[in-house]
PDB file of all heavy atoms in Angstrom:
ATOM      1  N   PHE A   1      63.685 246.758  60.931  1.00  0.00           N
ATOM      2  CA  PHE A   1      63.662 245.324  61.000  1.00  0.00           C
ATOM      3  C   PHE A   1      65.038 244.848  60.710  1.00  0.00           C
ATOM      4  O   PHE A   1      65.971 245.449  61.134  1.00  0.00           O
ATOM      5  CB  PHE A   1      62.613 244.800  60.066  1.00  0.00           C
ATOM      6  CG  PHE A   1      61.300 245.349  60.355  1.00  0.00           C
ATOM      7  CD1 PHE A   1      60.657 246.141  59.431  1.00  0.00           C
ATOM      8  CD2 PHE A   1      60.727 245.139  61.588  1.00  0.00           C
ATOM      9  CE1 PHE A   1      59.414 246.685  59.750  1.00  0.00           C
ATOM     10  CE2 PHE A   1      59.485 245.675  61.912  1.00  0.00           C
ATOM     11  CZ  PHE A   1      58.873 246.467  60.983  1.00  0.00           C
ATOM     12  N   VAL A   2      65.308 243.790  59.923  1.00  0.00           N
ATOM     13  CA  VAL A   2      66.685 243.430  59.644  1.00  0.00           C
ATOM     14  C   VAL A   2      66.808 242.575  58.412  1.00  0.00           C
ATOM     15  O   VAL A   2      65.898 241.911  58.056  1.00  0.00           O
ATOM     16  CB  VAL A   2      67.269 242.603  60.783  1.00  0.00           C
ATOM     17  CG1 VAL A   2      68.678 242.219  60.440  1.00  0.00           C
ATOM     18  CG2 VAL A   2      67.186 243.406  62.034  1.00  0.00           C
ATOM     19  N   ALA A   3      67.949 242.583  57.872  1.00  0.00           N
ATOM     20  CA  ALA A   3      68.179 241.776  56.664  1.00  0.00           C
ATOM     21  C   ALA A   3      69.467 241.036  56.838  1.00  0.00           C
ATOM     22  O   ALA A   3      70.466 241.379  56.223  1.00  0.00           O
ATOM     23  CB  ALA A   3      68.203 242.654  55.462  1.00  0.00           C
ATOM     24  N   GLY A   4      69.588 240.108  57.618  1.00  0.00           N
ATOM     25  CA  GLY A   4      70.873 239.481  57.783  1.00  0.00           C
ATOM     26  C   GLY A   4      70.784 238.054  58.199  1.00  0.00           C
ATOM     27  O   GLY A   4      69.824 237.458  58.315  1.00  0.00           O
ATOM     28  N   GLY A   5      71.872 237.439  58.433  1.00  0.00           N
ATOM     29  CA  GLY A   5      72.075 236.154  59.083  1.00  0.00           C
ATOM     30  C   GLY A   5      71.975 235.029  58.176  1.00  0.00           C
ATOM     31  O   GLY A   5      71.389 235.022  57.131  1.00  0.00           O
ATOM     32  N   LEU A   6      72.635 233.918  58.587  1.00  0.00           N
ATOM     33  CA  LEU A   6      72.550 232.691  57.804  1.00  0.00           C
ATOM     34  C   LEU A   6      72.471 231.572  58.792  1.00  0.00           C
ATOM     35  O   LEU A   6      73.268 231.492  59.657  1.00  0.00           O
ATOM     36  CB  LEU A   6      73.853 232.562  56.985  1.00  0.00           C
ATOM     37  CG  LEU A   6      75.059 232.686  57.801  1.00  0.00           C
ATOM     38  CD1 LEU A   6      76.159 231.818  57.278  1.00  0.00           C
ATOM     39  CD2 LEU A   6      75.461 234.076  57.985  1.00  0.00           C
ATOM     40  N   VAL A   7      71.521 230.717  58.637  1.00  0.00           N
ATOM     41  CA  VAL A   7      71.433 229.709  59.659  1.00  0.00           C
ATOM     42  C   VAL A   7      70.763 228.422  59.197  1.00  0.00           C
ATOM     43  O   VAL A   7      69.865 228.410  58.463  1.00  0.00           O
ATOM     44  CB  VAL A   7      70.612 230.172  60.820  1.00  0.00           C
ATOM     45  CG1 VAL A   7      70.665 229.292  61.961  1.00  0.00           C
ATOM     46  CG2 VAL A   7      71.114 231.589  61.153  1.00  0.00           C
ATOM     47  N   LEU A   8      71.251 227.283  59.774  1.00  0.00           N
ATOM     48  CA  LEU A   8      70.654 225.994  59.476  1.00  0.00           C
ATOM     49  C   LEU A   8      70.326 225.183  60.690  1.00  0.00           C
ATOM     50  O   LEU A   8      71.228 225.049  61.508  1.00  0.00           O
ATOM     51  CB  LEU A   8      71.584 225.219  58.584  1.00  0.00           C
ATOM     52  CG  LEU A   8      71.305 225.296  57.097  1.00  0.00           C
ATOM     53  CD1 LEU A   8      71.930 224.134  56.419  1.00  0.00           C
ATOM     54  CD2 LEU A   8      69.816 225.269  56.848  1.00  0.00           C
ATOM     55  N   GLY A   9      69.139 224.663  60.732  1.00  0.00           N
ATOM     56  CA  GLY A   9      68.827 223.773  61.912  1.00  0.00           C
ATOM     57  C   GLY A   9      69.571 222.472  61.768  1.00  0.00           C
ATOM     58  O   GLY A   9      69.553 221.839  60.742  1.00  0.00           O
ATOM     59  N   ALA A  10      70.163 222.079  62.853  1.00  0.00           N
ATOM     60  CA  ALA A  10      70.977 220.896  62.836  1.00  0.00           C
ATOM     61  C   ALA A  10      70.180 219.673  62.441  1.00  0.00           C
ATOM     62  O   ALA A  10      70.463 218.985  61.479  1.00  0.00           O
ATOM     63  CB  ALA A  10      71.654 220.670  64.132  1.00  0.00           C
ATOM     64  N   ALA A  11      69.139 219.397  63.237  1.00  0.00           N
ATOM     65  CA  ALA A  11      68.395 218.148  63.006  1.00  0.00           C
ATOM     66  C   ALA A  11      67.592 218.215  61.754  1.00  0.00           C
ATOM     67  O   ALA A  11      67.607 217.320  60.918  1.00  0.00           O
ATOM     68  CB  ALA A  11      67.487 217.923  64.181  1.00  0.00           C
ATOM     69  N   ALA A  12      66.832 219.345  61.520  1.00  0.00           N
ATOM     70  CA  ALA A  12      65.883 219.388  60.435  1.00  0.00           C
ATOM     71  C   ALA A  12      66.526 219.732  59.120  1.00  0.00           C
ATOM     72  O   ALA A  12      65.991 219.422  58.136  1.00  0.00           O
ATOM     73  CB  ALA A  12      64.812 220.408  60.761  1.00  0.00           C
ATOM     74  N   CYS A  13      67.705 220.407  59.106  1.00  0.00           N
ATOM     75  CA  CYS A  13      68.238 220.859  57.833  1.00  0.00           C
ATOM     76  C   CYS A  13      69.412 220.050  57.331  1.00  0.00           C
ATOM     77  O   CYS A  13      70.051 220.364  56.355  1.00  0.00           O
ATOM     78  CB  CYS A  13      68.670 222.329  57.991  1.00  0.00           C
ATOM     79  SG  CYS A  13      67.309 223.367  58.524  1.00  0.00           S
ATOM     80  N   GLY A  14      69.787 218.987  58.095  1.00  0.00           N
ATOM     81  CA  GLY A  14      70.806 218.103  57.620  1.00  0.00           C
ATOM     82  C   GLY A  14      72.223 218.629  57.702  1.00  0.00           C
ATOM     83  O   GLY A  14      73.126 218.103  57.094  1.00  0.00           O
ATOM     84  N   GLU A  15      72.400 219.681  58.446  1.00  0.00           N
ATOM     85  CA  GLU A  15      73.770 220.234  58.606  1.00  0.00           C
ATOM     86  C   GLU A  15      74.024 220.517  60.018  1.00  0.00           C
ATOM     87  O   GLU A  15      73.319 221.294  60.727  1.00  0.00           O
ATOM     88  CB  GLU A  15      73.934 221.513  57.753  1.00  0.00           C
ATOM     89  CG  GLU A  15      75.245 222.155  57.851  1.00  0.00           C
ATOM     90  CD  GLU A  15      75.388 223.370  56.942  1.00  0.00           C
ATOM     91  OE1 GLU A  15      75.020 223.255  55.750  1.00  0.00           O
ATOM     92  OE2 GLU A  15      75.775 224.452  57.438  1.00  0.00           O
ATOM     93  N   ALA A  16      75.075 219.945  60.601  1.00  0.00           N
ATOM     94  CA  ALA A  16      75.329 220.105  62.019  1.00  0.00           C
ATOM     95  C   ALA A  16      75.816 221.538  62.278  1.00  0.00           C
ATOM     96  O   ALA A  16      76.517 222.125  61.451  1.00  0.00           O
ATOM     97  CB  ALA A  16      76.416 219.153  62.447  1.00  0.00           C
ATOM     98  N   PRO A  17      75.379 222.148  63.419  1.00  0.00           N
ATOM     99  CA  PRO A  17      75.878 223.493  63.735  1.00  0.00           C
ATOM    100  C   PRO A  17      77.391 223.480  63.802  1.00  0.00           C
ATOM    101  O   PRO A  17      78.035 222.578  64.297  1.00  0.00           O
ATOM    102  CB  PRO A  17      75.266 223.737  65.143  1.00  0.00           C
ATOM    103  CG  PRO A  17      74.102 222.898  65.178  1.00  0.00           C
ATOM    104  CD  PRO A  17      74.431 221.657  64.403  1.00  0.00           C
ATOM    105  N   LYS A  18      77.961 224.577  63.298  1.00  0.00           N
ATOM    106  CA  LYS A  18      79.397 224.751  63.360  1.00  0.00           C
ATOM    107  C   LYS A  18      79.773 225.111  64.732  1.00  0.00           C
ATOM    108  O   LYS A  18      79.301 226.106  65.275  1.00  0.00           O
ATOM    109  CB  LYS A  18      79.831 225.824  62.353  1.00  0.00           C
ATOM    110  CG  LYS A  18      81.353 225.869  62.188  1.00  0.00           C
ATOM    111  CD  LYS A  18      81.689 226.611  60.915  1.00  0.00           C
ATOM    112  CE  LYS A  18      83.177 226.559  60.626  1.00  0.00           C
ATOM    113  NZ  LYS A  18      83.515 227.128  59.350  1.00  0.00           N
ATOM    114  N   ASP A  19      80.654 224.329  65.380  1.00  0.00           N
ATOM    115  CA  ASP A  19      81.001 224.514  66.770  1.00  0.00           C
ATOM    116  C   ASP A  19      82.448 224.901  66.853  1.00  0.00           C
ATOM    117  O   ASP A  19      83.284 224.101  66.502  1.00  0.00           O
ATOM    118  CB  ASP A  19      80.730 223.182  67.498  1.00  0.00           C
ATOM    119  CG  ASP A  19      80.450 223.460  69.008  1.00  0.00           C
ATOM    120  OD1 ASP A  19      80.889 224.525  69.459  1.00  0.00           O
ATOM    121  OD2 ASP A  19      79.833 222.590  69.638  1.00  0.00           O
ATOM    122  N   GLU A  20      82.716 226.132  67.310  1.00  0.00           N
ATOM    123  CA  GLU A  20      84.072 226.550  67.473  1.00  0.00           C
ATOM    124  C   GLU A  20      84.280 227.011  68.879  1.00  0.00           C
ATOM    125  O   GLU A  20      84.215 228.187  69.191  1.00  0.00           O
ATOM    126  CB  GLU A  20      84.393 227.687  66.492  1.00  0.00           C
ATOM    127  CG  GLU A  20      84.195 227.278  65.036  1.00  0.00           C
ATOM    128  CD  GLU A  20      84.595 228.388  64.074  1.00  0.00           C
ATOM    129  OE1 GLU A  20      85.364 229.285  64.483  1.00  0.00           O
ATOM    130  OE2 GLU A  20      84.158 228.377  62.912  1.00  0.00           O
ATOM    131  N   ASN A  21      84.524 226.055  69.766  1.00  0.00           N
ATOM    132  CA  ASN A  21      84.618 226.324  71.177  1.00  0.00           C
ATOM    133  C   ASN A  21      86.060 226.435  71.648  1.00  0.00           C
ATOM    134  O   ASN A  21      86.862 225.579  71.257  1.00  0.00           O
ATOM    135  CB  ASN A  21      83.934 225.277  72.013  1.00  0.00           C
ATOM    136  CG  ASN A  21      82.460 225.203  71.698  1.00  0.00           C
ATOM    137  OD1 ASN A  21      81.852 226.180  71.248  1.00  0.00           O
ATOM    138  ND2 ASN A  21      81.825 224.064  71.839  1.00  0.00           N
ATOM    139  N   ALA A  22      86.377 227.415  72.402  1.00  0.00           N
ATOM    140  CA  ALA A  22      87.738 227.543  72.917  1.00  0.00           C
ATOM    141  C   ALA A  22      87.686 228.304  74.248  1.00  0.00           C
ATOM    142  O   ALA A  22      87.954 229.475  74.313  1.00  0.00           O
ATOM    143  CB  ALA A  22      88.591 228.314  71.950  1.00  0.00           C
ATOM    144  N   GLY A  23      87.278 227.626  75.289  1.00  0.00           N
ATOM    145  CA  GLY A  23      87.100 228.265  76.560  1.00  0.00           C
ATOM    146  C   GLY A  23      88.070 227.792  77.593  1.00  0.00           C
ATOM    147  O   GLY A  23      88.832 226.854  77.372  1.00  0.00           O
ATOM    148  N   SER A  24      88.108 228.449  78.729  1.00  0.00           N
ATOM    149  CA  SER A  24      88.998 228.042  79.785  1.00  0.00           C
ATOM    150  C   SER A  24      88.327 226.838  80.533  1.00  0.00           C
ATOM    151  O   SER A  24      87.193 226.544  80.370  1.00  0.00           O
ATOM    152  CB  SER A  24      89.226 229.166  80.787  1.00  0.00           C
ATOM    153  OG  SER A  24      88.032 229.427  81.489  1.00  0.00           O
ATOM    154  N   ALA A  25      89.115 226.227  81.367  1.00  0.00           N
ATOM    155  CA  ALA A  25      88.555 225.082  82.134  1.00  0.00           C
ATOM    156  C   ALA A  25      88.066 225.558  83.467  1.00  0.00           C
ATOM    157  O   ALA A  25      87.965 224.768  84.378  1.00  0.00           O
ATOM    158  CB  ALA A  25      89.715 224.016  82.272  1.00  0.00           C
ATOM    159  N   GLY A  26      87.748 226.819  83.556  1.00  0.00           N
ATOM    160  CA  GLY A  26      87.418 227.414  84.866  1.00  0.00           C
ATOM    161  C   GLY A  26      85.962 227.236  85.247  1.00  0.00           C
ATOM    162  O   GLY A  26      85.527 226.153  85.593  1.00  0.00           O
ATOM    163  N   GLY A  27      85.208 228.374  85.171  1.00  0.00           N
ATOM    164  CA  GLY A  27      83.826 228.364  85.700  1.00  0.00           C
ATOM    165  C   GLY A  27      82.804 227.711  84.768  1.00  0.00           C
ATOM    166  O   GLY A  27      83.180 227.033  83.810  1.00  0.00           O
ATOM    167  N   LYS A  28      81.597 227.950  85.084  1.00  0.00           N
ATOM    168  CA  LYS A  28      80.454 227.322  84.329  1.00  0.00           C
ATOM    169  C   LYS A  28      80.427 227.943  82.909  1.00  0.00           C
ATOM    170  O   LYS A  28      80.597 229.151  82.767  1.00  0.00           O
ATOM    171  CB  LYS A  28      79.166 227.631  85.023  1.00  0.00           C
ATOM    172  CG  LYS A  28      77.935 227.049  84.333  1.00  0.00           C
ATOM    173  CD  LYS A  28      76.659 227.383  85.119  1.00  0.00           C
ATOM    174  CE  LYS A  28      75.454 226.773  84.439  1.00  0.00           C
ATOM    175  NZ  LYS A  28      75.237 227.269  83.110  1.00  0.00           N
ATOM    176  N   LYS A  29      80.335 227.084  81.945  1.00  0.00           N
ATOM    177  CA  LYS A  29      80.299 227.559  80.561  1.00  0.00           C
ATOM    178  C   LYS A  29      79.030 228.343  80.278  1.00  0.00           C
ATOM    179  O   LYS A  29      77.934 228.018  80.766  1.00  0.00           O
ATOM    180  CB  LYS A  29      80.445 226.391  79.600  1.00  0.00           C
ATOM    181  CG  LYS A  29      81.767 225.653  79.708  1.00  0.00           C
ATOM    182  CD  LYS A  29      82.918 226.605  79.307  1.00  0.00           C
ATOM    183  CE  LYS A  29      84.227 225.863  79.389  1.00  0.00           C
ATOM    184  NZ  LYS A  29      85.367 226.780  79.140  1.00  0.00           N
ATOM    185  N   TYR A  30      79.185 229.405  79.464  1.00  0.00           N
ATOM    186  CA  TYR A  30      78.059 230.167  78.975  1.00  0.00           C
ATOM    187  C   TYR A  30      77.996 229.984  77.479  1.00  0.00           C
ATOM    188  O   TYR A  30      78.941 230.389  76.742  1.00  0.00           O
ATOM    189  CB  TYR A  30      78.217 231.664  79.346  1.00  0.00           C
ATOM    190  CG  TYR A  30      76.998 232.475  78.996  1.00  0.00           C
ATOM    191  CD1 TYR A  30      75.934 232.670  79.885  1.00  0.00           C
ATOM    192  CD2 TYR A  30      76.969 233.150  77.737  1.00  0.00           C
ATOM    193  CE1 TYR A  30      74.813 233.412  79.535  1.00  0.00           C
ATOM    194  CE2 TYR A  30      75.819 233.899  77.425  1.00  0.00           C
ATOM    195  CZ  TYR A  30      74.768 234.042  78.309  1.00  0.00           C
ATOM    196  OH  TYR A  30      73.676 234.783  77.976  1.00  0.00           O
ATOM    197  N   ASN A  31      76.907 229.389  77.008  1.00  0.00           N
ATOM    198  CA  ASN A  31      76.812 229.007  75.604  1.00  0.00           C
ATOM    199  C   ASN A  31      76.070 230.067  74.754  1.00  0.00           C
ATOM    200  O   ASN A  31      74.903 230.273  75.004  1.00  0.00           O
ATOM    201  CB  ASN A  31      76.104 227.661  75.464  1.00  0.00           C
ATOM    202  CG  ASN A  31      76.869 226.552  76.162  1.00  0.00           C
ATOM    203  OD1 ASN A  31      78.048 226.410  75.954  1.00  0.00           O
ATOM    204  ND2 ASN A  31      76.117 225.762  76.946  1.00  0.00           N
ATOM    205  N   ALA A  32      76.796 230.748  73.922  1.00  0.00           N
ATOM    206  CA  ALA A  32      76.278 231.780  73.038  1.00  0.00           C
ATOM    207  C   ALA A  32      76.188 231.213  71.657  1.00  0.00           C
ATOM    208  O   ALA A  32      77.198 230.813  71.047  1.00  0.00           O
ATOM    209  CB  ALA A  32      77.132 233.034  73.022  1.00  0.00           C
ATOM    210  N   CYS A  33      74.922 231.171  71.109  1.00  0.00           N
ATOM    211  CA  CYS A  33      74.680 230.503  69.829  1.00  0.00           C
ATOM    212  C   CYS A  33      74.069 231.483  68.804  1.00  0.00           C
ATOM    213  O   CYS A  33      73.245 232.274  69.193  1.00  0.00           O
ATOM    214  CB  CYS A  33      73.709 229.309  70.045  1.00  0.00           C
ATOM    215  SG  CYS A  33      74.301 228.196  71.330  1.00  0.00           S
ATOM    216  N   MET A  34      74.442 231.356  67.573  1.00  0.00           N
ATOM    217  CA  MET A  34      73.962 232.313  66.554  1.00  0.00           C
ATOM    218  C   MET A  34      73.349 231.553  65.432  1.00  0.00           C
ATOM    219  O   MET A  34      73.835 230.587  64.900  1.00  0.00           O
ATOM    220  CB  MET A  34      75.156 233.085  66.032  1.00  0.00           C
ATOM    221  CG  MET A  34      74.799 234.154  65.000  1.00  0.00           C
ATOM    222  SD  MET A  34      76.229 235.128  64.510  1.00  0.00           S
ATOM    223  CE  MET A  34      76.417 234.659  62.822  1.00  0.00           C
ATOM    224  N   VAL A  35      72.166 232.077  65.003  1.00  0.00           N
ATOM    225  CA  VAL A  35      71.490 231.613  63.808  1.00  0.00           C
ATOM    226  C   VAL A  35      71.565 232.706  62.717  1.00  0.00           C
ATOM    227  O   VAL A  35      71.166 233.855  62.986  1.00  0.00           O
ATOM    228  CB  VAL A  35      70.010 231.316  64.098  1.00  0.00           C
ATOM    229  CG1 VAL A  35      69.260 230.895  62.829  1.00  0.00           C
ATOM    230  CG2 VAL A  35      69.902 230.228  65.183  1.00  0.00           C
ATOM    231  N   THR A  36      72.107 232.346  61.595  1.00  0.00           N
ATOM    232  CA  THR A  36      72.206 233.366  60.533  1.00  0.00           C
ATOM    233  C   THR A  36      70.984 233.244  59.593  1.00  0.00           C
ATOM    234  O   THR A  36      70.260 232.266  59.591  1.00  0.00           O
ATOM    235  CB  THR A  36      73.430 233.135  59.672  1.00  0.00           C
ATOM    236  OG1 THR A  36      73.292 231.995  58.877  1.00  0.00           O
ATOM    237  CG2 THR A  36      74.720 232.961  60.561  1.00  0.00           C
ATOM    238  N   ASP A  37      70.814 234.286  58.797  1.00  0.00           N
ATOM    239  CA  ASP A  37      69.820 234.152  57.801  1.00  0.00           C
ATOM    240  C   ASP A  37      70.408 233.570  56.535  1.00  0.00           C
ATOM    241  O   ASP A  37      71.596 233.132  56.546  1.00  0.00           O
ATOM    242  CB  ASP A  37      69.094 235.484  57.543  1.00  0.00           C
ATOM    243  CG  ASP A  37      69.876 236.489  56.677  1.00  0.00           C
ATOM    244  OD1 ASP A  37      70.994 236.130  56.339  1.00  0.00           O
ATOM    245  OD2 ASP A  37      69.338 237.530  56.363  1.00  0.00           O
ATOM    246  N   VAL A  38      69.741 233.641  55.436  1.00  0.00           N
ATOM    247  CA  VAL A  38      70.216 232.925  54.240  1.00  0.00           C
ATOM    248  C   VAL A  38      71.384 233.631  53.579  1.00  0.00           C
ATOM    249  O   VAL A  38      71.989 233.155  52.579  1.00  0.00           O
ATOM    250  CB  VAL A  38      69.075 232.799  53.190  1.00  0.00           C
ATOM    251  CG1 VAL A  38      67.999 231.871  53.741  1.00  0.00           C
ATOM    252  CG2 VAL A  38      68.433 234.176  52.874  1.00  0.00           C
ATOM    253  N   GLY A  39      71.788 234.775  54.082  1.00  0.00           N
ATOM    254  CA  GLY A  39      72.904 235.499  53.493  1.00  0.00           C
ATOM    255  C   GLY A  39      74.257 234.794  53.653  1.00  0.00           C
ATOM    256  O   GLY A  39      75.190 234.939  52.906  1.00  0.00           O
ATOM    257  N   GLY A  40      74.384 233.972  54.753  1.00  0.00           N
ATOM    258  CA  GLY A  40      75.567 233.195  54.972  1.00  0.00           C
ATOM    259  C   GLY A  40      76.564 233.848  55.852  1.00  0.00           C
ATOM    260  O   GLY A  40      76.688 235.050  55.949  1.00  0.00           O
ATOM    261  N   ILE A  41      77.378 233.021  56.508  1.00  0.00           N
ATOM    262  CA  ILE A  41      78.357 233.496  57.509  1.00  0.00           C
ATOM    263  C   ILE A  41      79.479 234.264  56.811  1.00  0.00           C
ATOM    264  O   ILE A  41      80.112 235.125  57.430  1.00  0.00           O
ATOM    265  CB  ILE A  41      78.944 232.309  58.280  1.00  0.00           C
ATOM    266  CG1 ILE A  41      79.650 232.792  59.524  1.00  0.00           C
ATOM    267  CG2 ILE A  41      79.856 231.507  57.415  1.00  0.00           C
ATOM    268  CD1 ILE A  41      78.712 233.300  60.607  1.00  0.00           C
TER     269      ILE A  41
END
């Protein structure tokens, strides 16, 4: 199974997702999103 990750729901948990985007202005964006567990980033 697993023991990892840290994550907070934006709307329900009162903390906006951390957004660190740096892509090219080329093709269609592919959005990869990560939810951590309580261990923290």
